[in-house]
Amino acid sequence: MAHRIEVELTSQTGDDTWTWRAAGAKQPRGTVEAKLVPEGAGVGAVLRAEVETTLDGTTVTALLPSKPRGEVRSAERIEVLGTPRRGPDVNVVLAAKAKRPRRDDRPDRVGDGARRTTGHRPRPESADRRSRNERGSGGGPGAPAREGAPTRRSAGPPRSGRRDPGGRDNPRRPAVSNTYRNAALADLKPEELPVAEQLLRGGIPGVRQAIEEQNTRARGEGRPEVNPGPLLAMAETLRPVVNLAAWKDRASVARADGKDVPLRELRSIVASASTVTLDEEGAEMLSALRTALDQRVTALRDRWVERITAALGEGRIADAVRASIRPPEPAARLSSELAVRLADAAGGAMTSETPPDEWLALLEVVVESPVRRTVKPRGVPTGADESLLAAARQASGHVPELARLMGIPIPPPPGPRRPVPARSGQGRRGS
């Protein structure tokens, strides 16, 4: 596969050839014809090289001087002779106001008819605003503003409360590191670099796609196609090295950020460690990240249990049941003692003397709670209307004790809820 790299000339073996190596490598990797070396280049010169990688190795097809860094092209200017004139520092240009319909012309608004009958006339906002602008700016539109007067729009920095739409100012977005990937690429042979780069971009499917694109161009130009077998075998050999380097980059960033790394990202890094072959350094990173994950999850569980316990102690039964619905992670479970206490408190709060609205609100959160099968309501509110009784019958599949109170057979528990499809012609909220 043809690509461009930077090479360094190491020695001249004669009048016809030079030896070269990849910039930053330790040993020479090949030779290049002297006629391709630019005039004035010597040992140690770093050049841009067009190379082609085949099964026999890497062949240099062209050498170009390296682009100098920091070079700034001077702009061509036209000198204007004459006496310089200093214009106003700030100009205020007022945009034309959009033409809006008068309130009297909109009969669908409440009270428009009353205003028409009373002879109410709209305030001439345009003329009044224009007069105020002229007094404030010292002239009409386009006139220079008086010194120190504020302008309508400022080109200064944005407000501190605003965030960049791309999320660059978001402190929760994890940083990106390429340290281990660059180190892994520096140790590879030149013919392995294109394959490794494709692995970093798209894995094995990315390598297959790159080979197919190169063969398509070769067929169009009448050149021989590349056999994908050896390149795919090379990709399979390099994949563990590339995957380990990519994982180390993510792990190093998460380890450096500490508690600032999002919990979801930390879980993803720890879980993806099983897909790579860790070395000694990677195993040490995984151990540190797993310890940090356990500490953060334990702290979240403790705060969750404290919130439920505090609500029960203060008599806020509905808040305690509502807090149990959303654990800090899917694997979090209530202890048996706290589950029994929560179910007893919820059942004791649902009595015949409980107001119907409070009883119904508590039933709604109990149905979603993890203790719904063990909650035993003490009774149904006295004088309950048909809507409350219908809600109780419908919830009896979740709370079996309700069926006994109402004298109906216990229905089977309902299945998982399915998401409601969006209606045609209505987009999602916020779209």
Protein backbone atom coordinates (compact mmCIF):
# COMPACT_ATOMS: atom_id res chain seq x y z
CA MET A 1 0.00 0.00 0.00
CA ALA A 2 1.39 3.39 -1.02
CA HIS A 3 1.70 6.03 1.66
CA ARG A 4 3.95 8.90 2.78
CA ILE A 5 6.38 8.85 5.71
CA GLU A 6 9.36 10.87 6.93
CA VAL A 7 12.74 9.22 6.52
CA GLU A 8 16.25 10.11 7.64
CA LEU A 9 19.35 9.56 5.48
CA THR A 10 21.91 7.57 7.47
CA SER A 11 24.85 6.99 5.11
CA GLN A 12 25.93 6.97 1.50
CA THR A 13 27.07 3.53 0.38
CA GLY A 14 28.40 4.75 -2.94
CA ASP A 15 27.58 7.06 -5.78
CA ASP A 16 24.36 5.21 -6.55
CA THR A 17 22.62 4.46 -3.25
CA TRP A 18 21.90 5.88 0.20
CA THR A 19 20.70 4.07 3.31
CA TRP A 20 17.67 5.40 5.17
CA ARG A 21 15.53 4.76 8.20
CA ALA A 22 12.18 5.98 9.43
CA ALA A 23 12.42 9.24 11.36
CA GLY A 24 12.87 8.33 15.00
CA ALA A 25 13.83 4.69 14.34
CA LYS A 26 17.06 3.14 15.64
CA GLN A 27 18.39 1.15 12.68
CA PRO A 28 18.42 1.62 8.87
CA ARG A 29 15.56 -0.07 7.05
CA GLY A 30 16.49 0.12 3.37
CA THR A 31 18.29 1.84 0.53
CA VAL A 32 17.29 4.47 -1.97
CA GLU A 33 18.79 5.49 -5.30
CA ALA A 34 20.99 8.55 -5.19
CA LYS A 35 19.16 10.17 -8.10
CA LEU A 36 16.05 10.46 -5.93
CA VAL A 37 17.88 12.34 -3.14
CA PRO A 38 17.35 16.14 -3.42
CA GLU A 39 20.41 18.25 -4.10
CA GLY A 40 22.12 19.46 -0.94
CA ALA A 41 20.76 16.68 1.30
CA GLY A 42 23.32 14.95 3.48
CA VAL A 43 23.61 12.43 6.27
CA GLY A 44 20.99 13.14 8.94
CA ALA A 45 18.64 15.01 6.62
CA VAL A 46 14.93 14.30 7.23
CA LEU A 47 12.92 14.08 4.00
CA ARG A 48 9.38 13.27 3.00
CA ALA A 49 9.25 9.96 1.20
CA GLU A 50 6.62 8.34 -1.01
CA VAL A 51 6.91 4.60 -0.29
CA GLU A 52 5.15 1.45 -1.43
CA THR A 53 4.86 -1.53 0.89
CA THR A 54 4.86 -5.00 -0.63
CA LEU A 55 5.71 -8.47 0.61
CA ASP A 56 9.36 -7.91 -0.34
CA GLY A 57 9.65 -4.81 1.83
CA THR A 58 9.35 -1.04 1.53
CA THR A 59 10.45 0.73 -1.66
CA VAL A 60 11.06 4.48 -1.81
CA THR A 61 9.62 5.92 -5.01
CA ALA A 62 10.18 9.66 -4.38
CA LEU A 63 11.95 11.97 -1.94
CA LEU A 64 10.90 15.54 -1.18
CA PRO A 65 12.40 18.10 1.20
CA SER A 66 10.65 18.27 4.56
CA LYS A 67 8.34 21.21 5.05
CA PRO A 68 9.89 23.77 7.40
CA ARG A 69 7.79 24.25 10.49
CA GLY A 70 6.59 27.65 11.47
CA GLU A 71 7.09 29.07 8.00
CA VAL A 72 4.69 31.95 7.39
CA ARG A 73 4.13 33.16 3.88
CA SER A 74 4.47 36.90 3.70
CA ALA A 75 1.38 38.61 2.38
CA GLU A 76 1.68 40.88 -0.61
CA ARG A 77 0.51 44.41 0.18
CA ILE A 78 -0.17 47.52 -1.82
CA GLU A 79 1.25 50.69 -0.35
CA VAL A 80 -1.17 53.63 -0.36
CA LEU A 81 0.43 57.07 -0.34
CA GLY A 82 -1.39 59.93 1.31
CA THR A 83 -2.33 61.46 4.62
CA PRO A 84 -3.66 58.83 7.02
CA ARG A 85 -7.12 59.47 8.38
CA ARG A 86 -8.40 57.94 11.57
CA GLY A 87 -12.02 56.87 11.46
CA PRO A 88 -14.38 56.17 14.33
CA ASP A 89 -13.40 53.28 16.60
CA VAL A 90 -16.97 51.93 16.87
CA ASN A 91 -19.82 52.07 14.38
CA VAL A 92 -23.39 51.28 15.32
CA VAL A 93 -25.58 49.92 12.52
CA LEU A 94 -29.18 49.17 13.45
CA ALA A 95 -30.77 46.27 11.62
CA ALA A 96 -34.18 46.81 10.11
CA LYS A 97 -36.95 45.57 12.38
CA ALA A 98 -39.06 42.72 11.06
CA LYS A 99 -42.54 43.74 10.09
CA ARG A 100 -45.05 42.17 12.50
CA PRO A 101 -48.84 42.13 12.17
CA ARG A 102 -50.72 44.54 14.36
CA ARG A 103 -52.71 43.12 17.23
CA ASP A 104 -55.86 44.60 15.74
CA ASP A 105 -55.30 42.45 12.61
CA ARG A 106 -55.33 39.18 14.58
CA PRO A 107 -58.96 38.35 15.43
CA ASP A 108 -57.96 35.02 17.01
CA ARG A 109 -56.52 36.76 20.08
CA VAL A 110 -58.76 37.26 23.11
CA GLY A 111 -59.86 40.86 23.57
CA ASP A 112 -59.03 42.11 20.06
CA GLY A 113 -62.67 42.91 19.41
CA ALA A 114 -62.89 44.96 22.59
CA ARG A 115 -59.87 47.01 21.57
CA ARG A 116 -61.33 47.68 18.13
CA THR A 117 -64.62 48.84 19.60
CA THR A 118 -62.95 51.16 22.11
CA GLY A 119 -60.80 52.74 19.43
CA HIS A 120 -57.51 51.61 20.93
CA ARG A 121 -54.54 52.35 18.67
CA PRO A 122 -51.18 50.57 18.99
CA ARG A 123 -48.25 52.53 20.30
CA PRO A 124 -45.88 53.75 17.54
CA GLU A 125 -42.95 51.73 18.79
CA SER A 126 -40.88 52.09 15.62
CA ALA A 127 -40.80 55.86 15.64
CA ASP A 128 -40.24 56.11 19.38
CA ARG A 129 -37.43 53.56 19.32
CA ARG A 130 -35.84 55.27 16.33
CA SER A 131 -35.86 58.61 18.13
CA ARG A 132 -34.28 57.07 21.23
CA ASN A 133 -31.55 55.43 19.14
CA GLU A 134 -30.79 58.68 17.39
CA ARG A 135 -30.49 60.52 20.69
CA GLY A 136 -28.29 57.79 22.18
CA SER A 137 -25.93 57.45 19.21
CA GLY A 138 -25.69 61.12 18.37
CA GLY A 139 -27.08 60.73 14.86
CA GLY A 140 -28.88 58.46 12.50
CA PRO A 141 -27.95 54.98 11.44
CA GLY A 142 -24.35 54.73 10.35
CA ALA A 143 -23.24 57.73 12.40
CA PRO A 144 -20.27 57.23 14.76
CA ALA A 145 -21.25 56.49 18.33
CA ARG A 146 -20.16 58.78 21.10
CA GLU A 147 -17.05 57.70 22.94
CA GLY A 148 -17.70 55.23 25.76
CA ALA A 149 -21.25 54.41 24.62
CA PRO A 150 -22.14 50.73 24.68
CA THR A 151 -22.82 49.00 21.40
CA ARG A 152 -25.70 46.65 20.65
CA ARG A 153 -23.39 43.73 19.97
CA SER A 154 -19.94 43.12 21.32
CA ALA A 155 -17.16 41.08 19.72
CA GLY A 156 -15.70 40.23 23.12
CA PRO A 157 -15.43 36.81 24.69
CA PRO A 158 -18.64 34.82 25.25
CA ARG A 159 -20.35 34.69 28.60
CA SER A 160 -18.77 32.45 31.18
CA GLY A 161 -21.97 30.49 31.65
CA ARG A 162 -22.16 29.40 28.02
CA ARG A 163 -20.58 26.21 26.76
CA ASP A 164 -19.19 25.39 23.39
CA PRO A 165 -21.73 23.45 21.26
CA GLY A 166 -19.12 20.81 20.48
CA GLY A 167 -18.57 20.09 24.15
CA ARG A 168 -14.93 21.22 24.26
CA ASP A 169 -15.59 23.14 27.47
CA ASN A 170 -17.38 20.21 29.07
CA PRO A 171 -15.28 19.11 32.06
CA ARG A 172 -16.93 15.67 32.03
CA ARG A 173 -15.64 14.73 28.57
CA PRO A 174 -12.65 12.38 28.99
CA ALA A 175 -9.32 13.49 27.55
CA VAL A 176 -7.53 11.62 24.76
CA SER A 177 -3.98 10.29 24.86
CA ASN A 178 -1.86 8.77 22.08
CA THR A 179 1.29 8.10 24.10
CA TYR A 180 1.18 4.31 24.05
CA ARG A 181 -0.08 4.15 20.47
CA ASN A 182 2.78 6.32 19.22
CA ALA A 183 5.29 4.22 21.16
CA ALA A 184 3.86 1.02 19.67
CA LEU A 185 4.00 2.41 16.12
CA ALA A 186 7.61 3.57 16.59
CA ASP A 187 8.72 -0.02 17.31
CA LEU A 188 7.14 -1.46 14.17
CA LYS A 189 8.78 -2.03 10.81
CA PRO A 190 7.98 0.45 8.04
CA GLU A 191 5.98 -2.14 6.12
CA GLU A 192 3.87 -2.78 9.22
CA LEU A 193 2.96 0.87 9.83
CA PRO A 194 0.14 1.15 7.23
CA VAL A 195 -1.51 -2.02 8.52
CA ALA A 196 -1.24 -0.86 12.15
CA GLU A 197 -2.72 2.53 11.30
CA GLN A 198 -5.68 0.89 9.62
CA LEU A 199 -6.13 -1.34 12.68
CA LEU A 200 -6.29 1.73 14.90
CA ARG A 201 -8.89 3.31 12.64
CA GLY A 202 -11.23 0.40 12.05
CA GLY A 203 -9.77 -2.91 13.18
CA ILE A 204 -9.64 -5.90 10.85
CA PRO A 205 -12.66 -4.66 8.82
CA GLY A 206 -10.78 -1.41 8.23
CA VAL A 207 -7.77 -3.32 6.87
CA ARG A 208 -10.01 -5.31 4.53
CA GLN A 209 -11.65 -2.13 3.29
CA ALA A 210 -8.29 -0.44 2.66
CA ILE A 211 -7.05 -3.46 0.68
CA GLU A 212 -10.24 -3.52 -1.38
CA GLU A 213 -9.95 0.21 -2.16
CA GLN A 214 -6.31 -0.20 -3.20
CA ASN A 215 -7.14 -3.14 -5.47
CA THR A 216 -10.00 -1.17 -7.01
CA ARG A 217 -7.62 1.65 -7.89
CA ALA A 218 -5.09 -0.87 -9.21
CA ARG A 219 -7.66 -2.46 -11.51
CA GLY A 220 -8.65 0.95 -12.81
CA GLU A 221 -4.99 1.86 -13.53
CA GLY A 222 -4.06 -1.52 -14.97
CA ARG A 223 -1.64 -2.42 -12.16
CA PRO A 224 -1.41 -5.82 -10.45
CA GLU A 225 -3.62 -6.27 -7.38
CA VAL A 226 -2.37 -6.94 -3.87
CA ASN A 227 -2.90 -10.38 -2.35
CA PRO A 228 -4.94 -9.72 0.82
CA GLY A 229 -3.88 -12.95 2.56
CA PRO A 230 -0.41 -11.90 3.83
CA LEU A 231 -1.64 -8.44 4.83
CA LEU A 232 -4.54 -9.87 6.81
CA ALA A 233 -2.18 -12.33 8.49
CA MET A 234 0.07 -9.40 9.44
CA ALA A 235 -2.99 -7.54 10.78
CA GLU A 236 -3.92 -10.51 12.97
CA THR A 237 -0.37 -10.54 14.36
CA LEU A 238 -0.38 -6.81 15.08
CA ARG A 239 -3.89 -6.64 16.51
CA PRO A 240 -2.94 -7.61 20.11
CA VAL A 241 -0.19 -4.99 20.17
CA VAL A 242 -2.42 -2.25 18.76
CA ASN A 243 -5.39 -3.10 21.00
CA LEU A 244 -3.19 -3.13 24.10
CA ALA A 245 -1.72 0.28 23.24
CA ALA A 246 -5.19 1.78 22.65
CA TRP A 247 -6.46 0.35 25.94
CA LYS A 248 -3.45 1.69 27.85
CA ASP A 249 -4.10 5.17 26.46
CA ARG A 250 -7.67 5.11 27.79
CA ALA A 251 -6.59 3.58 31.11
CA SER A 252 -3.80 6.11 31.64
CA VAL A 253 -6.19 9.03 31.11
CA ALA A 254 -8.77 7.55 33.50
CA ARG A 255 -6.10 6.88 36.11
CA ALA A 256 -4.77 10.43 35.85
CA ASP A 257 -8.25 12.03 36.05
CA GLY A 258 -9.17 10.10 39.20
CA LYS A 259 -12.65 10.99 40.42
CA ASP A 260 -13.23 13.36 37.50
CA VAL A 261 -13.57 10.52 34.98
CA PRO A 262 -17.23 9.61 34.34
CA LEU A 263 -18.33 6.41 36.03
CA ARG A 264 -19.64 5.00 32.75
CA GLU A 265 -16.24 5.50 31.09
CA LEU A 266 -14.48 3.87 34.05
CA ARG A 267 -16.80 0.84 33.84
CA SER A 268 -16.20 0.57 30.08
CA ILE A 269 -12.41 0.60 30.49
CA VAL A 270 -12.44 -2.06 33.21
CA ALA A 271 -14.83 -4.26 31.22
CA SER A 272 -12.84 -3.93 27.96
CA ALA A 273 -9.68 -5.16 29.69
CA SER A 274 -10.92 -8.72 29.13
CA THR A 275 -10.64 -8.22 25.35
CA VAL A 276 -6.90 -7.44 25.34
CA THR A 277 -3.79 -9.32 26.39
CA LEU A 278 -2.38 -7.32 29.29
CA ASP A 279 1.30 -7.06 30.09
CA GLU A 280 2.69 -6.29 33.54
CA GLU A 281 2.07 -2.56 33.22
CA GLY A 282 -1.46 -3.11 31.91
CA ALA A 283 -2.29 -5.48 34.76
CA GLU A 284 -1.13 -2.87 37.26
CA MET A 285 -3.34 -0.24 35.56
CA LEU A 286 -6.32 -2.59 35.63
CA SER A 287 -5.86 -3.31 39.33
CA ALA A 288 -5.77 0.40 40.18
CA LEU A 289 -8.82 1.19 38.03
CA ARG A 290 -10.82 -1.72 39.44
CA THR A 291 -10.06 -0.54 42.99
CA ALA A 292 -11.17 3.00 42.12
CA LEU A 293 -14.36 1.65 40.51
CA ASP A 294 -15.21 -0.46 43.56
CA GLN A 295 -14.70 2.49 45.89
CA ARG A 296 -16.93 4.79 43.85
CA VAL A 297 -19.68 2.19 43.46
CA THR A 298 -19.57 1.40 47.19
CA ALA A 299 -19.88 5.08 48.03
CA LEU A 300 -22.89 5.41 45.71
CA ARG A 301 -24.57 2.40 47.29
CA ASP A 302 -24.00 3.73 50.78
CA ARG A 303 -25.52 7.10 49.89
CA TRP A 304 -28.49 5.32 48.27
CA VAL A 305 -29.16 3.26 51.39
CA GLU A 306 -28.73 6.32 53.62
CA ARG A 307 -31.28 8.24 51.56
CA ILE A 308 -33.86 5.46 51.93
CA THR A 309 -33.16 5.00 55.63
CA ALA A 310 -33.38 8.72 56.35
CA ALA A 311 -36.72 8.99 54.53
CA LEU A 312 -38.12 6.06 56.51
CA GLY A 313 -36.92 7.58 59.78
CA GLU A 314 -38.64 10.88 58.99
CA GLY A 315 -41.91 9.20 57.97
CA ARG A 316 -41.61 10.07 54.28
CA ILE A 317 -42.72 6.66 53.04
CA ALA A 318 -43.40 7.70 49.44
CA ASP A 319 -39.94 9.32 49.14
CA ALA A 320 -38.28 6.19 50.54
CA VAL A 321 -40.11 3.91 48.09
CA ARG A 322 -39.37 6.29 45.22
CA ALA A 323 -35.65 6.29 46.07
CA SER A 324 -35.56 2.49 45.99
CA ILE A 325 -36.76 2.50 42.39
CA ARG A 326 -33.51 4.01 41.07
CA PRO A 327 -30.43 2.20 42.40
CA PRO A 328 -27.00 3.65 41.60
CA GLU A 329 -26.26 0.68 39.33
CA PRO A 330 -28.29 -2.26 37.97
CA ALA A 331 -26.56 -4.78 40.24
CA ALA A 332 -27.37 -2.87 43.46
CA ARG A 333 -29.86 -4.63 45.75
CA LEU A 334 -31.49 -3.73 49.04
CA SER A 335 -30.49 -5.76 52.06
CA SER A 336 -33.12 -8.18 53.34
CA GLU A 337 -33.58 -6.17 56.54
CA LEU A 338 -34.08 -2.87 54.71
CA ALA A 339 -36.40 -4.50 52.14
CA VAL A 340 -38.65 -5.91 54.88
CA ARG A 341 -38.69 -2.56 56.68
CA LEU A 342 -39.57 -0.69 53.49
CA ALA A 343 -42.37 -3.12 52.54
CA ASP A 344 -43.89 -2.97 56.04
CA ALA A 345 -43.79 0.83 56.08
CA ALA A 346 -45.45 1.06 52.64
CA GLY A 347 -48.18 -1.44 53.60
CA GLY A 348 -48.81 0.31 56.91
CA ALA A 349 -49.26 3.67 55.14
CA MET A 350 -51.95 2.27 52.80
CA THR A 351 -54.97 1.97 55.13
CA SER A 352 -58.68 2.65 54.87
CA GLU A 353 -58.18 6.00 56.68
CA THR A 354 -55.55 7.23 54.20
CA PRO A 355 -56.83 9.99 51.89
CA PRO A 356 -57.56 8.59 48.43
CA ASP A 357 -55.08 10.85 46.61
CA GLU A 358 -52.21 9.94 48.99
CA TRP A 359 -53.15 6.24 48.82
CA LEU A 360 -53.16 6.30 45.03
CA ALA A 361 -49.86 8.23 44.84
CA LEU A 362 -48.20 5.68 47.14
CA LEU A 363 -49.61 2.82 45.05
CA GLU A 364 -48.02 4.26 41.90
CA VAL A 365 -44.52 4.22 43.41
CA VAL A 366 -45.02 0.85 45.09
CA VAL A 367 -45.83 -0.75 41.71
CA GLU A 368 -42.41 0.40 40.40
CA SER A 369 -40.44 -0.53 43.54
CA PRO A 370 -38.38 -3.70 44.05
CA VAL A 371 -40.51 -4.67 47.13
CA ARG A 372 -43.90 -4.56 45.36
CA ARG A 373 -44.51 -8.33 45.74
CA THR A 374 -44.12 -8.17 49.53
CA VAL A 375 -46.11 -4.99 50.24
CA LYS A 376 -49.35 -5.76 52.12
CA PRO A 377 -51.72 -2.79 52.16
CA ARG A 378 -53.89 -2.63 55.29
CA GLY A 379 -56.98 -1.57 53.41
CA VAL A 380 -58.59 0.46 50.63
CA PRO A 381 -59.68 4.06 51.38
CA THR A 382 -63.26 4.34 52.60
CA GLY A 383 -65.56 5.82 49.98
CA ALA A 384 -63.07 5.27 47.15
CA ASP A 385 -64.39 6.14 43.71
CA GLU A 386 -64.41 3.85 40.72
CA SER A 387 -61.15 5.25 39.26
CA LEU A 388 -59.22 4.33 42.42
CA LEU A 389 -60.76 0.86 42.52
CA ALA A 390 -59.90 0.32 38.85
CA ALA A 391 -56.28 1.38 39.48
CA ALA A 392 -56.11 -1.02 42.45
CA ARG A 393 -57.46 -3.91 40.37
CA GLN A 394 -54.98 -3.15 37.61
CA ALA A 395 -52.08 -3.04 40.09
CA SER A 396 -53.06 -6.30 41.80
CA GLY A 397 -50.82 -8.21 39.38
CA HIS A 398 -47.84 -6.33 40.82
CA VAL A 399 -49.09 -6.23 44.45
CA PRO A 400 -50.83 -9.60 45.13
CA GLU A 401 -52.22 -8.47 48.51
CA LEU A 402 -54.51 -6.00 46.73
CA ALA A 403 -56.35 -8.91 45.07
CA ARG A 404 -57.13 -10.43 48.48
CA LEU A 405 -58.39 -7.11 49.83
CA MET A 406 -60.71 -6.64 46.85
CA GLY A 407 -61.85 -10.27 46.70
CA ILE A 408 -60.64 -11.00 43.17
CA PRO A 409 -58.36 -13.78 41.86
CA ILE A 410 -54.68 -12.91 41.81
CA PRO A 411 -53.81 -12.15 38.18
CA PRO A 412 -50.46 -13.21 36.75
CA PRO A 413 -47.75 -10.57 36.95
CA PRO A 414 -47.64 -8.44 33.81
CA GLY A 415 -44.75 -8.75 31.42
CA PRO A 416 -42.08 -6.11 30.75
CA ARG A 417 -43.28 -2.80 29.48
CA ARG A 418 -42.74 -2.04 25.83
CA PRO A 419 -41.72 1.42 24.64
CA VAL A 420 -44.59 3.38 23.14
CA PRO A 421 -43.86 4.15 19.46
CA ALA A 422 -43.93 7.78 18.44
CA ARG A 423 -46.99 8.93 16.51
CA SER A 424 -46.62 9.71 12.84
CA GLY A 425 -45.94 13.36 12.21
CA GLN A 426 -44.57 13.94 15.71
CA GLY A 427 -40.84 14.04 16.30
CA ARG A 428 -39.02 13.42 19.47
CA ARG A 429 -38.99 16.07 22.14
CA GLY A 430 -36.20 18.51 21.60
CA SER A 431 -35.65 17.57 17.94
